[in-house]
């Protein structure tokens, strides 16, 4: 599966979620070219993200995503509303078991995306 392009309705949905969560980092998944939010449960949400695996399981269940399709069709994303482009050292050392990770930075009121 190719990584989704961050454009069109996907970009608009992510931009809305990032703006709504700011100054905290937003976190969620991308599925079917749409961004879905998860709660950021980090103790320091303006600097990091953390998610509850039960929330992720519930969202996967609500979206009716079959377990066998998760690796190639579900992408974890989070934001850097302060504009830090690319994953932080913290992001790199705290990757989830999901195969694909994306960080989107809010720069000049637009998103700059980096897969890691």
C-alpha atoms as a PDB file:
ATOM      1  CA  UNK A   1       0.000   0.000   0.000  1.00  0.00           C
ATOM      2  CA  UNK A   2       1.254   3.456  -0.879  1.00  0.00           C
ATOM      3  CA  UNK A   3       1.347   6.081   1.825  1.00  0.00           C
ATOM      4  CA  UNK A   4      -1.543   8.509   1.424  1.00  0.00           C
ATOM      5  CA  UNK A   5      -0.866  11.954   0.028  1.00  0.00           C
ATOM      6  CA  UNK A   6      -1.689  14.697   2.502  1.00  0.00           C
ATOM      7  CA  UNK A   7      -3.941  16.740   0.251  1.00  0.00           C
ATOM      8  CA  UNK A   8      -7.611  17.469  -0.439  1.00  0.00           C
ATOM      9  CA  UNK A   9     -10.168  16.415   2.164  1.00  0.00           C
ATOM     10  CA  UNK A  10      -7.538  14.532   4.189  1.00  0.00           C
ATOM     11  CA  UNK A  11      -5.415  17.672   4.545  1.00  0.00           C
ATOM     12  CA  UNK A  12      -8.460  19.786   5.392  1.00  0.00           C
ATOM     13  CA  UNK A  13      -9.624  17.343   8.063  1.00  0.00           C
ATOM     14  CA  UNK A  14      -6.138  17.181   9.609  1.00  0.00           C
ATOM     15  CA  UNK A  15      -5.744  20.957   9.533  1.00  0.00           C
ATOM     16  CA  UNK A  16      -9.064  21.374  11.363  1.00  0.00           C
ATOM     17  CA  UNK A  17      -8.081  18.807  14.020  1.00  0.00           C
ATOM     18  CA  UNK A  18      -4.631  20.367  14.511  1.00  0.00           C
ATOM     19  CA  UNK A  19      -6.089  23.860  14.911  1.00  0.00           C
ATOM     20  CA  UNK A  20      -8.765  22.595  17.318  1.00  0.00           C
ATOM     21  CA  UNK A  21      -6.225  20.826  19.542  1.00  0.00           C
ATOM     22  CA  UNK A  22      -3.605  23.604  19.551  1.00  0.00           C
ATOM     23  CA  UNK A  23      -1.584  24.427  21.536  1.00  0.00           C
ATOM     24  CA  UNK A  24      -1.639  20.697  22.376  1.00  0.00           C
ATOM     25  CA  UNK A  25      -0.440  18.078  19.938  1.00  0.00           C
ATOM     26  CA  UNK A  26      -3.245  16.313  18.125  1.00  0.00           C
ATOM     27  CA  UNK A  27      -3.077  12.568  17.526  1.00  0.00           C
ATOM     28  CA  UNK A  28      -5.161  10.185  15.479  1.00  0.00           C
ATOM     29  CA  UNK A  29      -5.263   7.778  12.592  1.00  0.00           C
ATOM     30  CA  UNK A  30      -5.685   8.099   8.858  1.00  0.00           C
ATOM     31  CA  UNK A  31      -8.025   5.593   7.238  1.00  0.00           C
ATOM     32  CA  UNK A  32      -9.683   5.769   3.831  1.00  0.00           C
ATOM     33  CA  UNK A  33      -8.106   9.184   3.167  1.00  0.00           C
ATOM     34  CA  UNK A  34      -9.713  10.727   6.239  1.00  0.00           C
ATOM     35  CA  UNK A  35      -8.186  11.777   9.566  1.00  0.00           C
ATOM     36  CA  UNK A  36      -9.799  10.579  12.783  1.00  0.00           C
ATOM     37  CA  UNK A  37      -8.816  11.996  16.187  1.00  0.00           C
ATOM     38  CA  UNK A  38      -7.790  10.160  19.313  1.00  0.00           C
ATOM     39  CA  UNK A  39      -7.418  11.682  22.780  1.00  0.00           C
ATOM     40  CA  UNK A  40      -3.938  12.910  23.611  1.00  0.00           C
ATOM     41  CA  UNK A  41      -3.419  11.547  27.119  1.00  0.00           C
ATOM     42  CA  UNK A  42       0.169  12.783  27.526  1.00  0.00           C
ATOM     43  CA  UNK A  43       1.119  14.402  30.826  1.00  0.00           C
ATOM     44  CA  UNK A  44       2.701  17.137  28.686  1.00  0.00           C
ATOM     45  CA  UNK A  45       0.343  17.430  25.668  1.00  0.00           C
ATOM     46  CA  UNK A  46       1.902  20.657  24.379  1.00  0.00           C
ATOM     47  CA  UNK A  47       5.223  18.816  23.940  1.00  0.00           C
ATOM     48  CA  UNK A  48       4.290  15.170  23.300  1.00  0.00           C
ATOM     49  CA  UNK A  49       1.460  12.856  22.437  1.00  0.00           C
ATOM     50  CA  UNK A  50       0.316   9.625  23.991  1.00  0.00           C
ATOM     51  CA  UNK A  51      -2.768   7.628  23.218  1.00  0.00           C
ATOM     52  CA  UNK A  52      -4.839   5.053  25.000  1.00  0.00           C
ATOM     53  CA  UNK A  53      -4.775   1.707  23.170  1.00  0.00           C
ATOM     54  CA  UNK A  54      -8.388   1.090  24.232  1.00  0.00           C
ATOM     55  CA  UNK A  55      -9.363   4.299  22.391  1.00  0.00           C
ATOM     56  CA  UNK A  56      -7.518   3.064  19.292  1.00  0.00           C
ATOM     57  CA  UNK A  57      -9.233  -0.329  19.477  1.00  0.00           C
ATOM     58  CA  UNK A  58     -12.630   1.346  19.872  1.00  0.00           C
ATOM     59  CA  UNK A  59     -12.034   3.605  16.851  1.00  0.00           C
ATOM     60  CA  UNK A  60     -10.857   0.667  14.717  1.00  0.00           C
ATOM     61  CA  UNK A  61     -14.005  -1.199  15.760  1.00  0.00           C
ATOM     62  CA  UNK A  62     -16.276   1.794  14.976  1.00  0.00           C
ATOM     63  CA  UNK A  63     -14.700   2.187  11.539  1.00  0.00           C
ATOM     64  CA  UNK A  64     -15.127  -1.562  10.971  1.00  0.00           C
ATOM     65  CA  UNK A  65     -11.490  -2.053  10.036  1.00  0.00           C
ATOM     66  CA  UNK A  66     -10.625  -5.736   9.807  1.00  0.00           C
ATOM     67  CA  UNK A  67      -7.556  -6.659  11.887  1.00  0.00           C
ATOM     68  CA  UNK A  68      -5.708  -8.058   8.841  1.00  0.00           C
ATOM     69  CA  UNK A  69      -5.972  -4.677   7.090  1.00  0.00           C
ATOM     70  CA  UNK A  70      -4.489  -2.509   9.827  1.00  0.00           C
ATOM     71  CA  UNK A  71      -0.795  -2.680   8.861  1.00  0.00           C
ATOM     72  CA  UNK A  72      -1.295  -1.398   5.324  1.00  0.00           C
ATOM     73  CA  UNK A  73      -4.392   0.782   5.741  1.00  0.00           C
ATOM     74  CA  UNK A  74      -4.179   2.539   9.119  1.00  0.00           C
ATOM     75  CA  UNK A  75      -1.615   5.287   9.625  1.00  0.00           C
ATOM     76  CA  UNK A  76      -0.838   6.980  12.932  1.00  0.00           C
ATOM     77  CA  UNK A  77      -0.414  10.745  12.799  1.00  0.00           C
ATOM     78  CA  UNK A  78       0.246  13.502  15.285  1.00  0.00           C
ATOM     79  CA  UNK A  79       0.873  17.217  15.091  1.00  0.00           C
ATOM     80  CA  UNK A  80       3.529  19.712  16.035  1.00  0.00           C
ATOM     81  CA  UNK A  81       1.370  22.844  16.349  1.00  0.00           C
ATOM     82  CA  UNK A  82       4.433  24.911  17.261  1.00  0.00           C
ATOM     83  CA  UNK A  83       5.896  24.277  13.808  1.00  0.00           C
ATOM     84  CA  UNK A  84       8.611  21.694  14.558  1.00  0.00           C
ATOM     85  CA  UNK A  85       9.022  19.971  11.185  1.00  0.00           C
ATOM     86  CA  UNK A  86       9.774  16.260  11.286  1.00  0.00           C
ATOM     87  CA  UNK A  87       9.709  13.776  14.151  1.00  0.00           C
ATOM     88  CA  UNK A  88      11.351  14.699  17.425  1.00  0.00           C
ATOM     89  CA  UNK A  89      13.820  12.450  19.196  1.00  0.00           C
ATOM     90  CA  UNK A  90      10.928  11.595  21.571  1.00  0.00           C
ATOM     91  CA  UNK A  91       8.732  10.626  18.592  1.00  0.00           C
ATOM     92  CA  UNK A  92      11.432   8.332  17.203  1.00  0.00           C
ATOM     93  CA  UNK A  93      11.965   6.538  20.501  1.00  0.00           C
ATOM     94  CA  UNK A  94       8.235   6.166  21.274  1.00  0.00           C
ATOM     95  CA  UNK A  95       6.902   4.742  18.014  1.00  0.00           C
ATOM     96  CA  UNK A  96       3.803   2.579  18.287  1.00  0.00           C
ATOM     97  CA  UNK A  97       3.448  -0.951  16.883  1.00  0.00           C
ATOM     98  CA  UNK A  98       1.649   0.536  13.867  1.00  0.00           C
ATOM     99  CA  UNK A  99       3.731   0.303  10.700  1.00  0.00           C
ATOM    100  CA  UNK A 100       3.402   3.897   9.434  1.00  0.00           C
ATOM    101  CA  UNK A 101       3.791   7.160  11.385  1.00  0.00           C
ATOM    102  CA  UNK A 102       3.284  10.745  10.225  1.00  0.00           C
ATOM    103  CA  UNK A 103       3.992  14.058  11.902  1.00  0.00           C
ATOM    104  CA  UNK A 104       2.353  17.215  10.584  1.00  0.00           C
ATOM    105  CA  UNK A 105       3.761  20.583  11.571  1.00  0.00           C
ATOM    106  CA  UNK A 106       1.692  23.740  11.474  1.00  0.00           C
ATOM    107  CA  UNK A 107       3.855  26.236   9.556  1.00  0.00           C
ATOM    108  CA  UNK A 108       2.464  29.553   8.310  1.00  0.00           C
ATOM    109  CA  UNK A 109      -1.070  28.217   8.894  1.00  0.00           C
ATOM    110  CA  UNK A 110      -0.446  25.235   6.592  1.00  0.00           C
ATOM    111  CA  UNK A 111       0.639  21.632   7.197  1.00  0.00           C
ATOM    112  CA  UNK A 112       4.118  20.298   6.476  1.00  0.00           C
ATOM    113  CA  UNK A 113       4.070  16.510   6.663  1.00  0.00           C
ATOM    114  CA  UNK A 114       6.882  14.026   7.311  1.00  0.00           C
ATOM    115  CA  UNK A 115       6.565  10.226   7.331  1.00  0.00           C
ATOM    116  CA  UNK A 116       8.828   8.385   9.739  1.00  0.00           C
END
